[in-house]
Amino acid sequence: MQPIDKLLDRIRWDKSFGDAAFEIGYYDRVAAIIVRRPLADLLFEPGNKNSFLLMDEEGVYQRIPLHRVREVSRDGALIWQRPRVSGILR
């Protein structure tokens, strides 16, 4: 499986692949759920390959580490999912 940082690079730099509606699902540790947000809502800082920023309901940016990304959808179809270990998403 392709690492999440490589997939995100491909989405950003491969125009033929990246010309679609992408959605990222990340694990929210407080709510214990996977939160799905459009890729357009995420802010990637130049040079930072370990996390992205996402504005919360109060207008404050929260840093989300890439290891919490669990799935990626392209035009509504699941194209990437973190492997499960004993039924648990890692």
PDB file of N, CA and C in Angstrom:
ATOM      1  N   MET A   1       0.840  -1.183   0.000  1.00  0.00           N
ATOM      2  CA  MET A   1       0.000   0.000   0.000  1.00  0.00           C
ATOM      3  C   MET A   1       0.880   1.239   0.000  1.00  0.00           C
ATOM      4  N   GLN A   2       0.418   2.244  -0.696  1.00  0.00           N
ATOM      5  CA  GLN A   2       1.127   3.512  -0.795  1.00  0.00           C
ATOM      6  C   GLN A   2       1.005   4.281   0.522  1.00  0.00           C
ATOM      7  N   PRO A   3       2.102   4.849   1.026  1.00  0.00           N
ATOM      8  CA  PRO A   3       2.012   5.662   2.246  1.00  0.00           C
ATOM      9  C   PRO A   3       1.144   6.900   2.007  1.00  0.00           C
ATOM     10  N   ILE A   4       0.480   7.364   3.047  1.00  0.00           N
ATOM     11  CA  ILE A   4      -0.451   8.490   2.922  1.00  0.00           C
ATOM     12  C   ILE A   4       0.245   9.747   2.417  1.00  0.00           C
ATOM     13  N   ASP A   5       1.476  10.020   2.840  1.00  0.00           N
ATOM     14  CA  ASP A   5       2.149  11.239   2.374  1.00  0.00           C
ATOM     15  C   ASP A   5       2.411  11.175   0.875  1.00  0.00           C
ATOM     16  N   LYS A   6       2.705   9.995   0.342  1.00  0.00           N
ATOM     17  CA  LYS A   6       2.930   9.842  -1.103  1.00  0.00           C
ATOM     18  C   LYS A   6       1.624  10.012  -1.878  1.00  0.00           C
ATOM     19  N   LEU A   7       0.522   9.490  -1.333  1.00  0.00           N
ATOM     20  CA  LEU A   7      -0.773   9.670  -1.983  1.00  0.00           C
ATOM     21  C   LEU A   7      -1.157  11.144  -2.012  1.00  0.00           C
ATOM     22  N   LEU A   8      -0.963  11.851  -0.911  1.00  0.00           N
ATOM     23  CA  LEU A   8      -1.285  13.277  -0.878  1.00  0.00           C
ATOM     24  C   LEU A   8      -0.418  14.066  -1.852  1.00  0.00           C
ATOM     25  N   ASP A   9       0.845  13.688  -1.979  1.00  0.00           N
ATOM     26  CA  ASP A   9       1.716  14.329  -2.973  1.00  0.00           C
ATOM     27  C   ASP A   9       1.177  14.099  -4.380  1.00  0.00           C
ATOM     28  N   ARG A  10       0.752  12.892  -4.672  1.00  0.00           N
ATOM     29  CA  ARG A  10       0.216  12.588  -6.000  1.00  0.00           C
ATOM     30  C   ARG A  10      -1.041  13.399  -6.283  1.00  0.00           C
ATOM     31  N   ILE A  11      -1.910  13.514  -5.286  1.00  0.00           N
ATOM     32  CA  ILE A  11      -3.135  14.299  -5.462  1.00  0.00           C
ATOM     33  C   ILE A  11      -2.784  15.747  -5.800  1.00  0.00           C
ATOM     34  N   ARG A  12      -1.794  16.289  -5.111  1.00  0.00           N
ATOM     35  CA  ARG A  12      -1.430  17.703  -5.326  1.00  0.00           C
ATOM     36  C   ARG A  12      -0.677  17.939  -6.625  1.00  0.00           C
ATOM     37  N   TRP A  13       0.150  16.991  -7.056  1.00  0.00           N
ATOM     38  CA  TRP A  13       1.060  17.260  -8.173  1.00  0.00           C
ATOM     39  C   TRP A  13       0.691  16.560  -9.471  1.00  0.00           C
ATOM     40  N   ASP A  14      -0.090  15.509  -9.447  1.00  0.00           N
ATOM     41  CA  ASP A  14      -0.502  14.813 -10.668  1.00  0.00           C
ATOM     42  C   ASP A  14      -1.863  15.383 -11.078  1.00  0.00           C
ATOM     43  N   LYS A  15      -1.840  16.315 -12.019  1.00  0.00           N
ATOM     44  CA  LYS A  15      -3.063  17.047 -12.394  1.00  0.00           C
ATOM     45  C   LYS A  15      -4.164  16.116 -12.924  1.00  0.00           C
ATOM     46  N   SER A  16      -3.802  15.082 -13.664  1.00  0.00           N
ATOM     47  CA  SER A  16      -4.840  14.194 -14.204  1.00  0.00           C
ATOM     48  C   SER A  16      -5.504  13.379 -13.094  1.00  0.00           C
ATOM     49  N   PHE A  17      -4.752  13.001 -12.076  1.00  0.00           N
ATOM     50  CA  PHE A  17      -5.305  12.253 -10.943  1.00  0.00           C
ATOM     51  C   PHE A  17      -5.984  13.184  -9.943  1.00  0.00           C
ATOM     52  N   GLY A  18      -5.373  14.329  -9.697  1.00  0.00           N
ATOM     53  CA  GLY A  18      -5.853  15.239  -8.660  1.00  0.00           C
ATOM     54  C   GLY A  18      -7.065  16.061  -9.046  1.00  0.00           C
ATOM     55  N   ASP A  19      -7.481  15.984 -10.313  1.00  0.00           N
ATOM     56  CA  ASP A  19      -8.638  16.751 -10.768  1.00  0.00           C
ATOM     57  C   ASP A  19      -9.915  15.982 -10.431  1.00  0.00           C
ATOM     58  N   ALA A  20     -10.229  15.924  -9.139  1.00  0.00           N
ATOM     59  CA  ALA A  20     -11.394  15.174  -8.649  1.00  0.00           C
ATOM     60  C   ALA A  20     -11.767  15.733  -7.276  1.00  0.00           C
ATOM     61  N   ALA A  21     -12.868  15.254  -6.738  1.00  0.00           N
ATOM     62  CA  ALA A  21     -13.293  15.656  -5.392  1.00  0.00           C
ATOM     63  C   ALA A  21     -12.759  14.618  -4.404  1.00  0.00           C
ATOM     64  N   PHE A  22     -11.835  15.033  -3.551  1.00  0.00           N
ATOM     65  CA  PHE A  22     -11.233  14.139  -2.563  1.00  0.00           C
ATOM     66  C   PHE A  22     -11.772  14.442  -1.176  1.00  0.00           C
ATOM     67  N   GLU A  23     -11.887  13.399  -0.377  1.00  0.00           N
ATOM     68  CA  GLU A  23     -12.320  13.519   1.010  1.00  0.00           C
ATOM     69  C   GLU A  23     -11.352  12.704   1.870  1.00  0.00           C
ATOM     70  N   ILE A  24     -10.938  13.303   2.977  1.00  0.00           N
ATOM     71  CA  ILE A  24     -10.019  12.669   3.918  1.00  0.00           C
ATOM     72  C   ILE A  24     -10.804  12.263   5.160  1.00  0.00           C
ATOM     73  N   GLY A  25     -10.603  11.052   5.631  1.00  0.00           N
ATOM     74  CA  GLY A  25     -11.196  10.592   6.884  1.00  0.00           C
ATOM     75  C   GLY A  25     -10.094  10.407   7.906  1.00  0.00           C
ATOM     76  N   TYR A  26     -10.170  11.142   9.004  1.00  0.00           N
ATOM     77  CA  TYR A  26      -9.150  11.024  10.051  1.00  0.00           C
ATOM     78  C   TYR A  26      -9.818  10.650  11.367  1.00  0.00           C
ATOM     79  N   TYR A  27      -9.045  10.014  12.239  1.00  0.00           N
ATOM     80  CA  TYR A  27      -9.566   9.561  13.532  1.00  0.00           C
ATOM     81  C   TYR A  27      -9.532  10.702  14.537  1.00  0.00           C
ATOM     82  N   ASP A  28     -10.696  11.034  15.074  1.00  0.00           N
ATOM     83  CA  ASP A  28     -10.811  12.032  16.140  1.00  0.00           C
ATOM     84  C   ASP A  28     -10.750  11.281  17.460  1.00  0.00           C
ATOM     85  N   ARG A  29      -9.664  11.472  18.202  1.00  0.00           N
ATOM     86  CA  ARG A  29      -9.459  10.718  19.438  1.00  0.00           C
ATOM     87  C   ARG A  29     -10.459  11.086  20.527  1.00  0.00           C
ATOM     88  N   VAL A  30     -10.908  12.318  20.562  1.00  0.00           N
ATOM     89  CA  VAL A  30     -11.849  12.738  21.613  1.00  0.00           C
ATOM     90  C   VAL A  30     -13.224  12.119  21.377  1.00  0.00           C
ATOM     91  N   ALA A  31     -13.718  12.242  20.145  1.00  0.00           N
ATOM     92  CA  ALA A  31     -15.044  11.704  19.827  1.00  0.00           C
ATOM     93  C   ALA A  31     -15.005  10.213  19.505  1.00  0.00           C
ATOM     94  N   ALA A  32     -13.807   9.659  19.282  1.00  0.00           N
ATOM     95  CA  ALA A  32     -13.607   8.252  18.936  1.00  0.00           C
ATOM     96  C   ALA A  32     -14.376   7.866  17.667  1.00  0.00           C
ATOM     97  N   ILE A  33     -14.305   8.753  16.656  1.00  0.00           N
ATOM     98  CA  ILE A  33     -14.956   8.503  15.369  1.00  0.00           C
ATOM     99  C   ILE A  33     -14.014   8.925  14.240  1.00  0.00           C
ATOM    100  N   ILE A  34     -14.340   8.480  13.041  1.00  0.00           N
ATOM    101  CA  ILE A  34     -13.624   8.966  11.862  1.00  0.00           C
ATOM    102  C   ILE A  34     -14.392  10.168  11.330  1.00  0.00           C
ATOM    103  N   VAL A  35     -13.698  11.285  11.213  1.00  0.00           N
ATOM    104  CA  VAL A  35     -14.271  12.526  10.705  1.00  0.00           C
ATOM    105  C   VAL A  35     -13.863  12.660   9.243  1.00  0.00           C
ATOM    106  N   ARG A  36     -14.830  12.891   8.366  1.00  0.00           N
ATOM    107  CA  ARG A  36     -14.545  13.046   6.942  1.00  0.00           C
ATOM    108  C   ARG A  36     -14.689  14.508   6.557  1.00  0.00           C
ATOM    109  N   ARG A  37     -13.645  15.006   5.883  1.00  0.00           N
ATOM    110  CA  ARG A  37     -13.647  16.407   5.446  1.00  0.00           C
ATOM    111  C   ARG A  37     -13.109  16.486   4.021  1.00  0.00           C
ATOM    112  N   PRO A  38     -13.623  17.435   3.225  1.00  0.00           N
ATOM    113  CA  PRO A  38     -13.078  17.619   1.878  1.00  0.00           C
ATOM    114  C   PRO A  38     -11.606  18.020   1.944  1.00  0.00           C
ATOM    115  N   LEU A  39     -10.841  17.517   1.007  1.00  0.00           N
ATOM    116  CA  LEU A  39      -9.417  17.849   0.956  1.00  0.00           C
ATOM    117  C   LEU A  39      -9.215  19.356   0.877  1.00  0.00           C
ATOM    118  N   ALA A  40     -10.130  20.058   0.217  1.00  0.00           N
ATOM    119  CA  ALA A  40     -10.012  21.511   0.081  1.00  0.00           C
ATOM    120  C   ALA A  40     -10.049  22.232   1.433  1.00  0.00           C
ATOM    121  N   ASP A  41     -10.601  21.598   2.473  1.00  0.00           N
ATOM    122  CA  ASP A  41     -10.656  22.208   3.809  1.00  0.00           C
ATOM    123  C   ASP A  41      -9.330  22.115   4.560  1.00  0.00           C
ATOM    124  N   LEU A  42      -8.427  21.263   4.082  1.00  0.00           N
ATOM    125  CA  LEU A  42      -7.155  21.038   4.781  1.00  0.00           C
ATOM    126  C   LEU A  42      -6.108  22.039   4.309  1.00  0.00           C
ATOM    127  N   LEU A  43      -5.253  22.453   5.221  1.00  0.00           N
ATOM    128  CA  LEU A  43      -4.160  23.368   4.908  1.00  0.00           C
ATOM    129  C   LEU A  43      -2.851  22.636   5.135  1.00  0.00           C
ATOM    130  N   PHE A  44      -2.060  22.535   4.070  1.00  0.00           N
ATOM    131  CA  PHE A  44      -0.763  21.872   4.154  1.00  0.00           C
ATOM    132  C   PHE A  44       0.321  22.938   4.189  1.00  0.00           C
ATOM    133  N   GLU A  45       1.124  22.914   5.241  1.00  0.00           N
ATOM    134  CA  GLU A  45       2.209  23.875   5.389  1.00  0.00           C
ATOM    135  C   GLU A  45       3.405  23.422   4.554  1.00  0.00           C
ATOM    136  N   PRO A  46       4.034  24.340   3.831  1.00  0.00           N
ATOM    137  CA  PRO A  46       5.217  23.973   3.049  1.00  0.00           C
ATOM    138  C   PRO A  46       6.298  23.369   3.948  1.00  0.00           C
ATOM    139  N   GLY A  47       6.852  22.254   3.503  1.00  0.00           N
ATOM    140  CA  GLY A  47       7.926  21.605   4.245  1.00  0.00           C
ATOM    141  C   GLY A  47       7.474  20.697   5.370  1.00  0.00           C
ATOM    142  N   ASN A  48       6.204  20.698   5.709  1.00  0.00           N
ATOM    143  CA  ASN A  48       5.699  19.842   6.786  1.00  0.00           C
ATOM    144  C   ASN A  48       5.027  18.621   6.172  1.00  0.00           C
ATOM    145  N   LYS A  49       5.667  17.463   6.260  1.00  0.00           N
ATOM    146  CA  LYS A  49       5.117  16.233   5.692  1.00  0.00           C
ATOM    147  C   LYS A  49       4.514  15.332   6.757  1.00  0.00           C
ATOM    148  N   ASN A  50       4.357  15.830   7.980  1.00  0.00           N
ATOM    149  CA  ASN A  50       3.866  14.997   9.081  1.00  0.00           C
ATOM    150  C   ASN A  50       2.453  15.319   9.532  1.00  0.00           C
ATOM    151  N   SER A  51       1.901  16.456   9.087  1.00  0.00           N
ATOM    152  CA  SER A  51       0.574  16.850   9.562  1.00  0.00           C
ATOM    153  C   SER A  51      -0.052  17.857   8.602  1.00  0.00           C
ATOM    154  N   PHE A  52      -1.316  18.166   8.864  1.00  0.00           N
ATOM    155  CA  PHE A  52      -2.013  19.232   8.146  1.00  0.00           C
ATOM    156  C   PHE A  52      -2.815  20.024   9.168  1.00  0.00           C
ATOM    157  N   LEU A  53      -3.286  21.187   8.763  1.00  0.00           N
ATOM    158  CA  LEU A  53      -4.099  22.034   9.638  1.00  0.00           C
ATOM    159  C   LEU A  53      -5.542  21.978   9.168  1.00  0.00           C
ATOM    160  N   LEU A  54      -6.448  22.014  10.135  1.00  0.00           N
ATOM    161  CA  LEU A  54      -7.873  21.975   9.851  1.00  0.00           C
ATOM    162  C   LEU A  54      -8.576  22.918  10.813  1.00  0.00           C
ATOM    163  N   MET A  55      -9.403  23.813  10.271  1.00  0.00           N
ATOM    164  CA  MET A  55     -10.108  24.770  11.115  1.00  0.00           C
ATOM    165  C   MET A  55     -11.286  24.085  11.806  1.00  0.00           C
ATOM    166  N   ASP A  56     -11.378  24.268  13.135  1.00  0.00           N
ATOM    167  CA  ASP A  56     -12.489  23.679  13.884  1.00  0.00           C
ATOM    168  C   ASP A  56     -13.699  24.608  13.872  1.00  0.00           C
ATOM    169  N   GLU A  57     -14.746  24.231  14.602  1.00  0.00           N
ATOM    170  CA  GLU A  57     -16.001  24.985  14.620  1.00  0.00           C
ATOM    171  C   GLU A  57     -15.843  26.396  15.180  1.00  0.00           C
ATOM    172  N   GLU A  58     -14.824  26.615  16.033  1.00  0.00           N
ATOM    173  CA  GLU A  58     -14.596  27.936  16.624  1.00  0.00           C
ATOM    174  C   GLU A  58     -13.680  28.808  15.784  1.00  0.00           C
ATOM    175  N   GLY A  59     -13.240  28.306  14.622  1.00  0.00           N
ATOM    176  CA  GLY A  59     -12.367  29.076  13.749  1.00  0.00           C
ATOM    177  C   GLY A  59     -10.897  28.980  14.115  1.00  0.00           C
ATOM    178  N   VAL A  60     -10.541  27.993  14.926  1.00  0.00           N
ATOM    179  CA  VAL A  60      -9.155  27.793  15.352  1.00  0.00           C
ATOM    180  C   VAL A  60      -8.580  26.620  14.571  1.00  0.00           C
ATOM    181  N   TYR A  61      -7.365  26.797  14.049  1.00  0.00           N
ATOM    182  CA  TYR A  61      -6.717  25.703  13.323  1.00  0.00           C
ATOM    183  C   TYR A  61      -6.190  24.657  14.295  1.00  0.00           C
ATOM    184  N   GLN A  62      -6.498  23.410  13.994  1.00  0.00           N
ATOM    185  CA  GLN A  62      -6.001  22.270  14.753  1.00  0.00           C
ATOM    186  C   GLN A  62      -5.018  21.503  13.868  1.00  0.00           C
ATOM    187  N   ARG A  63      -3.919  21.041  14.443  1.00  0.00           N
ATOM    188  CA  ARG A  63      -2.941  20.246  13.703  1.00  0.00           C
ATOM    189  C   ARG A  63      -3.328  18.774  13.813  1.00  0.00           C
ATOM    190  N   ILE A  64      -3.476  18.123  12.652  1.00  0.00           N
ATOM    191  CA  ILE A  64      -3.849  16.714  12.595  1.00  0.00           C
ATOM    192  C   ILE A  64      -2.648  15.940  12.031  1.00  0.00           C
ATOM    193  N   PRO A  65      -2.063  15.037  12.813  1.00  0.00           N
ATOM    194  CA  PRO A  65      -0.940  14.239  12.300  1.00  0.00           C
ATOM    195  C   PRO A  65      -1.408  13.265  11.216  1.00  0.00           C
ATOM    196  N   LEU A  66      -0.567  13.039  10.221  1.00  0.00           N
ATOM    197  CA  LEU A  66      -0.937  12.137   9.130  1.00  0.00           C
ATOM    198  C   LEU A  66      -1.187  10.712   9.600  1.00  0.00           C
ATOM    199  N   HIS A  67      -0.592  10.310  10.723  1.00  0.00           N
ATOM    200  CA  HIS A  67      -0.834   8.944  11.176  1.00  0.00           C
ATOM    201  C   HIS A  67      -2.281   8.731  11.647  1.00  0.00           C
ATOM    202  N   ARG A  68      -3.037   9.827  11.815  1.00  0.00           N
ATOM    203  CA  ARG A  68      -4.454   9.691  12.179  1.00  0.00           C
ATOM    204  C   ARG A  68      -5.381   9.612  10.966  1.00  0.00           C
ATOM    205  N   VAL A  69      -4.831   9.799   9.743  1.00  0.00           N
ATOM    206  CA  VAL A  69      -5.649   9.646   8.535  1.00  0.00           C
ATOM    207  C   VAL A  69      -5.954   8.160   8.369  1.00  0.00           C
ATOM    208  N   ARG A  70      -7.223   7.835   8.217  1.00  0.00           N
ATOM    209  CA  ARG A  70      -7.655   6.442   8.115  1.00  0.00           C
ATOM    210  C   ARG A  70      -8.121   6.060   6.715  1.00  0.00           C
ATOM    211  N   GLU A  71      -8.613   7.060   5.940  1.00  0.00           N
ATOM    212  CA  GLU A  71      -9.119   6.745   4.615  1.00  0.00           C
ATOM    213  C   GLU A  71      -9.123   7.974   3.719  1.00  0.00           C
ATOM    214  N   VAL A  72      -9.120   7.702   2.405  1.00  0.00           N
ATOM    215  CA  VAL A  72      -9.194   8.757   1.397  1.00  0.00           C
ATOM    216  C   VAL A  72     -10.170   8.287   0.330  1.00  0.00           C
ATOM    217  N   SER A  73     -11.081   9.191  -0.053  1.00  0.00           N
ATOM    218  CA  SER A  73     -12.042   8.900  -1.120  1.00  0.00           C
ATOM    219  C   SER A  73     -11.817   9.868  -2.269  1.00  0.00           C
ATOM    220  N   ARG A  74     -12.035   9.365  -3.474  1.00  0.00           N
ATOM    221  CA  ARG A  74     -11.933  10.172  -4.692  1.00  0.00           C
ATOM    222  C   ARG A  74     -13.268  10.059  -5.416  1.00  0.00           C
ATOM    223  N   ASP A  75     -13.929  11.192  -5.603  1.00  0.00           N
ATOM    224  CA  ASP A  75     -15.256  11.222  -6.232  1.00  0.00           C
ATOM    225  C   ASP A  75     -16.210  10.218  -5.591  1.00  0.00           C
ATOM    226  N   GLY A  76     -16.146  10.106  -4.272  1.00  0.00           N
ATOM    227  CA  GLY A  76     -17.062   9.253  -3.520  1.00  0.00           C
ATOM    228  C   GLY A  76     -16.652   7.795  -3.392  1.00  0.00           C
ATOM    229  N   ALA A  77     -15.569   7.391  -4.067  1.00  0.00           N
ATOM    230  CA  ALA A  77     -15.117   5.995  -4.003  1.00  0.00           C
ATOM    231  C   ALA A  77     -13.878   5.908  -3.106  1.00  0.00           C
ATOM    232  N   LEU A  78     -13.884   4.952  -2.199  1.00  0.00           N
ATOM    233  CA  LEU A  78     -12.752   4.744  -1.302  1.00  0.00           C
ATOM    234  C   LEU A  78     -11.547   4.268  -2.116  1.00  0.00           C
ATOM    235  N   ILE A  79     -10.429   5.027  -2.062  1.00  0.00           N
ATOM    236  CA  ILE A  79      -9.233   4.644  -2.825  1.00  0.00           C
ATOM    237  C   ILE A  79      -8.058   4.273  -1.925  1.00  0.00           C
ATOM    238  N   TRP A  80      -8.138   4.594  -0.651  1.00  0.00           N
ATOM    239  CA  TRP A  80      -7.043   4.296   0.275  1.00  0.00           C
ATOM    240  C   TRP A  80      -7.633   4.107   1.663  1.00  0.00           C
ATOM    241  N   GLN A  81      -7.148   3.095   2.358  1.00  0.00           N
ATOM    242  CA  GLN A  81      -7.570   2.878   3.741  1.00  0.00           C
ATOM    243  C   GLN A  81      -6.408   2.284   4.510  1.00  0.00           C
ATOM    244  N   ARG A  82      -6.198   2.808   5.700  1.00  0.00           N
ATOM    245  CA  ARG A  82      -5.121   2.291   6.549  1.00  0.00           C
ATOM    246  C   ARG A  82      -5.438   0.838   6.896  1.00  0.00           C
ATOM    247  N   PRO A  83      -4.440  -0.032   6.837  1.00  0.00           N
ATOM    248  CA  PRO A  83      -4.682  -1.459   7.148  1.00  0.00           C
ATOM    249  C   PRO A  83      -5.213  -1.658   8.563  1.00  0.00           C
ATOM    250  N   ARG A  84      -5.994  -2.680   8.709  1.00  0.00           N
ATOM    251  CA  ARG A  84      -6.526  -3.060  10.025  1.00  0.00           C
ATOM    252  C   ARG A  84      -5.609  -4.123  10.626  1.00  0.00           C
ATOM    253  N   VAL A  85      -5.428  -4.045  11.917  1.00  0.00           N
ATOM    254  CA  VAL A  85      -4.677  -5.054  12.650  1.00  0.00           C
ATOM    255  C   VAL A  85      -5.637  -5.633  13.685  1.00  0.00           C
ATOM    256  N   SER A  86      -5.974  -6.892  13.535  1.00  0.00           N
ATOM    257  CA  SER A  86      -6.927  -7.571  14.433  1.00  0.00           C
ATOM    258  C   SER A  86      -8.256  -6.808  14.512  1.00  0.00           C
ATOM    259  N   GLY A  87      -8.736  -6.307  13.368  1.00  0.00           N
ATOM    260  CA  GLY A  87     -10.015  -5.628  13.333  1.00  0.00           C
ATOM    261  C   GLY A  87      -9.982  -4.170  13.768  1.00  0.00           C
ATOM    262  N   ILE A  88      -8.811  -3.670  14.144  1.00  0.00           N
ATOM    263  CA  ILE A  88      -8.679  -2.282  14.599  1.00  0.00           C
ATOM    264  C   ILE A  88      -7.900  -1.510  13.542  1.00  0.00           C
ATOM    265  N   LEU A  89      -8.414  -0.349  13.149  1.00  0.00           N
ATOM    266  CA  LEU A  89      -7.660   0.496  12.222  1.00  0.00           C
ATOM    267  C   LEU A  89      -6.476   1.079  12.938  1.00  0.00           C
ATOM    268  N   ARG A  90      -5.313   0.948  12.371  1.00  0.00           N
ATOM    269  CA  ARG A  90      -4.086   1.487  12.971  1.00  0.00           C
ATOM    270  C   ARG A  90      -3.670   2.750  12.292  1.00  0.00           C
TER     271      ARG A  90
END
